[in-house]
């Protein structure tokens, strides 16, 4: 795929056939253990800051119905993983939360836009999102499409309010724009739709990885990279953050695939089992549950490895976030 820098992490035979490597990797990451980091209060505090900023950023006036739909979609009880990742990456390289907040909100606006569109009948055709009826079920397809477009536009407008140098702003805008189009979300969704119902013998891991890297991982990667850029990170630091985030981005989707097969709709807050019904390609479908879980372990180890070299204190939230993504149950 066309995103910059290093290739995405892949599942090779050693992941599922050898366990000696796992023991060696675990020793390597012991210096950045997050065992003493209290992640829940951190996550709650950051999410509250993001929610407040989003509430202030989304307009209330005319056109009332569009703004109402935007607020309905984005102020729902999401995990806020992407904006929190942006803020944590900014602080990792020495930046301040308030500097990265506009970018963090922008990423969540883009993410919400993608959810609105994914849920449409012409796409994934889902009725439930974040435990509530999807936007088009409440406001109709026309308003849902328009509200998604408005969130996309507002994301770029809002991000430009960040007080950073013009060079880093241009860099940030380029990163965000790249993540949305045919080098990012659009490519992943297009490939996902065209792959429905394909015989497993016709596709391989590379095909599935392309979908997941572009449809899910790319925006998580972009969130982290934006934080590192805005925080004043060096090229080397930004590249390490990029590699880390690419791992947890793919990790997020592999876990999502596993949960779709093993959890109920009530537990997930969205329709469970819909990937199987739609004939979508998933890691459990291609590899089976056990090998998919082994891939989760590998991605978790790889992500942690990319954080070595940073301050153990500043890296703790990202290590904890990695574990949160790997162990989440919805």
Foldseek 3Di string as FASTA:
>chain_A
DPDDDDDFDDDDPCLVPPDPVLVVLVVLLPLQDLPVPPQPVVQVVQVVVLLVVLVVLQDCDPVNLLSVLLCVQLNADDSLLLLSLLQLLLVLQPAHSVLRSLLSNLLSLLVSLLVLVCCDPVHLVWQWDSLHGRSCVPRNDVSSNVSSVVSNVSSLVSNVVRPDDPVLNVVLVVLVVCQRPCNAQVVLRVLQVVCAPDDLVVDDRVSVVSNQLRNFLSSSLSSSLNSCSSSPHDPLSSSLSSNLSSLLRSLLQLVVLLLLVVDDCVQVRTHHPSCVVRRTDHCCVNPNDVSSLSSNSVSLSRSSSSPPPTDSVSCSNVNVSSVCSSPPND
